[in-house]
């Protein structure tokens, strides 16, 4: 089981995906606490999600923790799972209305970052943290 979690390849370019995904989620998570009315609980309430105060903090905390883990390349595959779920919910709750009201191209334009974060997270789930990751160091040292 440990090998499945920590195993990764020797790709030195995976760090680029980790930097993008990790930095965006870390930043977005922090902003959910800094700007609660527009990006945290207020946003969640506006789109009709239940318990917006709880969900805003819950999602923000996961984005901070998982974004940090992705940046370090530690437990990369496990950290990617909640981020994939967050992005699927974000797309379903915010982009379906845009699709219905403004059409496909407006929805695609508005969801470009969502798709990039979703696909980057799926990539990390599949590939792991890459050569320059804590996962690689741990597996090399017999974790």
C-alpha atoms as a PDB file:
ATOM      1  CA  UNK A   1       0.000   0.000   0.000  1.00  0.00           C
ATOM      2  CA  UNK A   2       2.842   2.416   0.846  1.00  0.00           C
ATOM      3  CA  UNK A   3       4.425   1.800  -2.524  1.00  0.00           C
ATOM      4  CA  UNK A   4       1.145   2.609  -4.288  1.00  0.00           C
ATOM      5  CA  UNK A   5       0.856   5.912  -2.386  1.00  0.00           C
ATOM      6  CA  UNK A   6       4.474   7.089  -2.650  1.00  0.00           C
ATOM      7  CA  UNK A   7       5.539   5.488  -5.944  1.00  0.00           C
ATOM      8  CA  UNK A   8       6.355   7.914  -8.727  1.00  0.00           C
ATOM      9  CA  UNK A   9       8.405   7.999 -11.887  1.00  0.00           C
ATOM     10  CA  UNK A  10      11.673   9.819 -12.577  1.00  0.00           C
ATOM     11  CA  UNK A  11      10.105  12.661 -14.537  1.00  0.00           C
ATOM     12  CA  UNK A  12      11.861  15.928 -13.794  1.00  0.00           C
ATOM     13  CA  UNK A  13       9.141  17.971 -15.508  1.00  0.00           C
ATOM     14  CA  UNK A  14       6.310  16.879 -13.204  1.00  0.00           C
ATOM     15  CA  UNK A  15       7.436  19.637 -10.860  1.00  0.00           C
ATOM     16  CA  UNK A  16       5.955  22.155 -13.325  1.00  0.00           C
ATOM     17  CA  UNK A  17       2.485  20.637 -12.902  1.00  0.00           C
ATOM     18  CA  UNK A  18       3.006  20.422  -9.133  1.00  0.00           C
ATOM     19  CA  UNK A  19       4.002  24.088  -8.948  1.00  0.00           C
ATOM     20  CA  UNK A  20       0.964  25.175 -10.971  1.00  0.00           C
ATOM     21  CA  UNK A  21      -1.596  23.019  -9.165  1.00  0.00           C
ATOM     22  CA  UNK A  22      -0.112  23.452  -5.690  1.00  0.00           C
ATOM     23  CA  UNK A  23       0.356  27.212  -5.897  1.00  0.00           C
ATOM     24  CA  UNK A  24      -3.134  27.860  -7.279  1.00  0.00           C
ATOM     25  CA  UNK A  25      -4.876  25.707  -4.667  1.00  0.00           C
ATOM     26  CA  UNK A  26      -2.765  27.094  -1.806  1.00  0.00           C
ATOM     27  CA  UNK A  27      -3.534  30.648  -2.917  1.00  0.00           C
ATOM     28  CA  UNK A  28      -7.250  29.976  -3.422  1.00  0.00           C
ATOM     29  CA  UNK A  29      -7.509  28.304  -0.025  1.00  0.00           C
ATOM     30  CA  UNK A  30      -5.873  31.252   1.739  1.00  0.00           C
ATOM     31  CA  UNK A  31      -8.149  33.674  -0.116  1.00  0.00           C
ATOM     32  CA  UNK A  32     -11.250  31.806   1.094  1.00  0.00           C
ATOM     33  CA  UNK A  33     -10.255  32.894   4.614  1.00  0.00           C
ATOM     34  CA  UNK A  34      -9.107  36.400   3.664  1.00  0.00           C
ATOM     35  CA  UNK A  35     -12.090  37.295   1.498  1.00  0.00           C
ATOM     36  CA  UNK A  36     -14.936  35.265   2.999  1.00  0.00           C
ATOM     37  CA  UNK A  37     -17.743  37.316   1.451  1.00  0.00           C
ATOM     38  CA  UNK A  38     -16.551  37.024  -2.132  1.00  0.00           C
ATOM     39  CA  UNK A  39     -14.516  33.792  -2.206  1.00  0.00           C
ATOM     40  CA  UNK A  40     -15.467  31.842   0.908  1.00  0.00           C
ATOM     41  CA  UNK A  41     -18.774  31.467   2.736  1.00  0.00           C
ATOM     42  CA  UNK A  42     -20.387  34.368   0.843  1.00  0.00           C
ATOM     43  CA  UNK A  43     -19.627  32.765  -2.510  1.00  0.00           C
ATOM     44  CA  UNK A  44     -20.867  29.375  -1.318  1.00  0.00           C
ATOM     45  CA  UNK A  45     -24.088  30.962  -0.083  1.00  0.00           C
ATOM     46  CA  UNK A  46     -24.564  32.815  -3.394  1.00  0.00           C
ATOM     47  CA  UNK A  47     -24.390  29.586  -5.405  1.00  0.00           C
ATOM     48  CA  UNK A  48     -26.787  27.867  -3.006  1.00  0.00           C
ATOM     49  CA  UNK A  49     -24.568  25.383  -1.215  1.00  0.00           C
ATOM     50  CA  UNK A  50     -25.720  24.261   2.234  1.00  0.00           C
ATOM     51  CA  UNK A  51     -23.854  25.388   5.396  1.00  0.00           C
ATOM     52  CA  UNK A  52     -21.772  27.984   3.535  1.00  0.00           C
ATOM     53  CA  UNK A  53     -19.750  29.059   6.612  1.00  0.00           C
ATOM     54  CA  UNK A  54     -18.696  25.468   7.301  1.00  0.00           C
ATOM     55  CA  UNK A  55     -18.105  24.605   3.638  1.00  0.00           C
ATOM     56  CA  UNK A  56     -16.093  27.762   2.968  1.00  0.00           C
ATOM     57  CA  UNK A  57     -13.686  26.950   5.785  1.00  0.00           C
ATOM     58  CA  UNK A  58     -13.704  23.216   5.039  1.00  0.00           C
ATOM     59  CA  UNK A  59     -12.868  23.652   1.354  1.00  0.00           C
ATOM     60  CA  UNK A  60     -10.360  26.431   2.100  1.00  0.00           C
ATOM     61  CA  UNK A  61      -8.544  24.233   4.619  1.00  0.00           C
ATOM     62  CA  UNK A  62      -8.378  21.320   2.179  1.00  0.00           C
ATOM     63  CA  UNK A  63      -7.060  23.608  -0.551  1.00  0.00           C
ATOM     64  CA  UNK A  64      -4.337  24.929   1.771  1.00  0.00           C
ATOM     65  CA  UNK A  65      -3.283  21.525   3.096  1.00  0.00           C
ATOM     66  CA  UNK A  66      -3.485  19.652  -0.206  1.00  0.00           C
ATOM     67  CA  UNK A  67      -1.944  22.523  -2.176  1.00  0.00           C
ATOM     68  CA  UNK A  68       0.998  22.563   0.253  1.00  0.00           C
ATOM     69  CA  UNK A  69       1.405  18.773   0.026  1.00  0.00           C
ATOM     70  CA  UNK A  70       1.375  18.981  -3.782  1.00  0.00           C
ATOM     71  CA  UNK A  71       4.035  21.718  -3.720  1.00  0.00           C
ATOM     72  CA  UNK A  72       6.235  19.510  -1.537  1.00  0.00           C
ATOM     73  CA  UNK A  73       5.439  16.412  -3.539  1.00  0.00           C
ATOM     74  CA  UNK A  74       4.431  14.681  -0.306  1.00  0.00           C
ATOM     75  CA  UNK A  75       1.529  12.223  -0.463  1.00  0.00           C
ATOM     76  CA  UNK A  76       0.935  13.661  -3.921  1.00  0.00           C
ATOM     77  CA  UNK A  77      -1.577  11.061  -5.056  1.00  0.00           C
ATOM     78  CA  UNK A  78      -3.623  11.286  -1.858  1.00  0.00           C
ATOM     79  CA  UNK A  79      -3.548  15.103  -1.902  1.00  0.00           C
ATOM     80  CA  UNK A  80      -4.821  15.125  -5.492  1.00  0.00           C
ATOM     81  CA  UNK A  81      -8.030  13.249  -4.644  1.00  0.00           C
ATOM     82  CA  UNK A  82      -9.779  15.996  -2.592  1.00  0.00           C
ATOM     83  CA  UNK A  83      -8.670  18.580  -5.162  1.00  0.00           C
ATOM     84  CA  UNK A  84     -10.283  16.577  -7.966  1.00  0.00           C
ATOM     85  CA  UNK A  85     -13.511  16.413  -5.964  1.00  0.00           C
ATOM     86  CA  UNK A  86     -13.370  20.161  -5.251  1.00  0.00           C
ATOM     87  CA  UNK A  87     -12.955  20.923  -8.949  1.00  0.00           C
ATOM     88  CA  UNK A  88     -15.768  18.590 -10.029  1.00  0.00           C
ATOM     89  CA  UNK A  89     -18.120  20.248  -7.539  1.00  0.00           C
ATOM     90  CA  UNK A  90     -16.936  23.717  -8.615  1.00  0.00           C
ATOM     91  CA  UNK A  91     -17.593  22.960 -12.273  1.00  0.00           C
ATOM     92  CA  UNK A  92     -20.983  21.378 -11.552  1.00  0.00           C
ATOM     93  CA  UNK A  93     -22.200  24.170  -9.258  1.00  0.00           C
ATOM     94  CA  UNK A  94     -20.887  27.230 -11.043  1.00  0.00           C
ATOM     95  CA  UNK A  95     -20.521  26.368 -14.703  1.00  0.00           C
ATOM     96  CA  UNK A  96     -23.753  24.468 -15.396  1.00  0.00           C
ATOM     97  CA  UNK A  97     -25.746  27.683 -14.915  1.00  0.00           C
ATOM     98  CA  UNK A  98     -23.439  29.543 -17.303  1.00  0.00           C
ATOM     99  CA  UNK A  99     -23.858  26.731 -19.838  1.00  0.00           C
ATOM    100  CA  UNK A 100     -27.648  26.882 -19.567  1.00  0.00           C
ATOM    101  CA  UNK A 101     -27.888  30.677 -19.724  1.00  0.00           C
ATOM    102  CA  UNK A 102     -25.006  31.777 -21.948  1.00  0.00           C
ATOM    103  CA  UNK A 103     -23.995  28.699 -23.928  1.00  0.00           C
ATOM    104  CA  UNK A 104     -21.091  26.364 -24.426  1.00  0.00           C
ATOM    105  CA  UNK A 105     -18.364  28.830 -25.379  1.00  0.00           C
ATOM    106  CA  UNK A 106     -19.060  31.209 -22.504  1.00  0.00           C
ATOM    107  CA  UNK A 107     -18.961  28.223 -20.139  1.00  0.00           C
ATOM    108  CA  UNK A 108     -15.676  27.011 -21.642  1.00  0.00           C
ATOM    109  CA  UNK A 109     -14.163  30.468 -21.345  1.00  0.00           C
ATOM    110  CA  UNK A 110     -15.221  30.832 -17.720  1.00  0.00           C
ATOM    111  CA  UNK A 111     -14.035  27.370 -16.746  1.00  0.00           C
ATOM    112  CA  UNK A 112     -10.547  27.333 -18.262  1.00  0.00           C
ATOM    113  CA  UNK A 113      -8.820  27.527 -14.874  1.00  0.00           C
ATOM    114  CA  UNK A 114     -11.184  24.906 -13.439  1.00  0.00           C
ATOM    115  CA  UNK A 115     -10.326  22.487 -16.252  1.00  0.00           C
ATOM    116  CA  UNK A 116      -6.592  23.160 -15.892  1.00  0.00           C
ATOM    117  CA  UNK A 117      -6.730  22.476 -12.148  1.00  0.00           C
ATOM    118  CA  UNK A 118      -8.898  19.380 -12.628  1.00  0.00           C
ATOM    119  CA  UNK A 119      -6.665  17.891 -15.320  1.00  0.00           C
ATOM    120  CA  UNK A 120      -3.469  18.845 -13.465  1.00  0.00           C
ATOM    121  CA  UNK A 121      -4.791  17.119 -10.346  1.00  0.00           C
ATOM    122  CA  UNK A 122      -5.771  14.019 -12.340  1.00  0.00           C
ATOM    123  CA  UNK A 123      -2.275  13.979 -13.869  1.00  0.00           C
ATOM    124  CA  UNK A 124      -0.719  14.046 -10.382  1.00  0.00           C
ATOM    125  CA  UNK A 125      -3.046  11.291  -9.182  1.00  0.00           C
ATOM    126  CA  UNK A 126      -1.893   9.106 -12.069  1.00  0.00           C
ATOM    127  CA  UNK A 127       1.824   9.986 -12.165  1.00  0.00           C
ATOM    128  CA  UNK A 128       2.705  10.942  -8.591  1.00  0.00           C
ATOM    129  CA  UNK A 129       5.099  13.681  -7.527  1.00  0.00           C
ATOM    130  CA  UNK A 130       7.952  13.057  -9.970  1.00  0.00           C
ATOM    131  CA  UNK A 131      11.711  13.131  -9.510  1.00  0.00           C
ATOM    132  CA  UNK A 132      11.926  16.216  -7.293  1.00  0.00           C
ATOM    133  CA  UNK A 133       9.371  15.201  -4.689  1.00  0.00           C
ATOM    134  CA  UNK A 134       9.292  14.119  -1.071  1.00  0.00           C
ATOM    135  CA  UNK A 135       7.479  10.982  -2.294  1.00  0.00           C
ATOM    136  CA  UNK A 136      10.482  10.042  -4.467  1.00  0.00           C
ATOM    137  CA  UNK A 137      12.866  10.585  -1.557  1.00  0.00           C
ATOM    138  CA  UNK A 138      10.713   8.508   0.795  1.00  0.00           C
ATOM    139  CA  UNK A 139      10.340   5.595  -1.634  1.00  0.00           C
ATOM    140  CA  UNK A 140      14.087   5.702  -2.366  1.00  0.00           C
ATOM    141  CA  UNK A 141      14.836   5.527   1.356  1.00  0.00           C
ATOM    142  CA  UNK A 142      12.466   2.610   1.878  1.00  0.00           C
ATOM    143  CA  UNK A 143       9.274   4.247   3.154  1.00  0.00           C
END
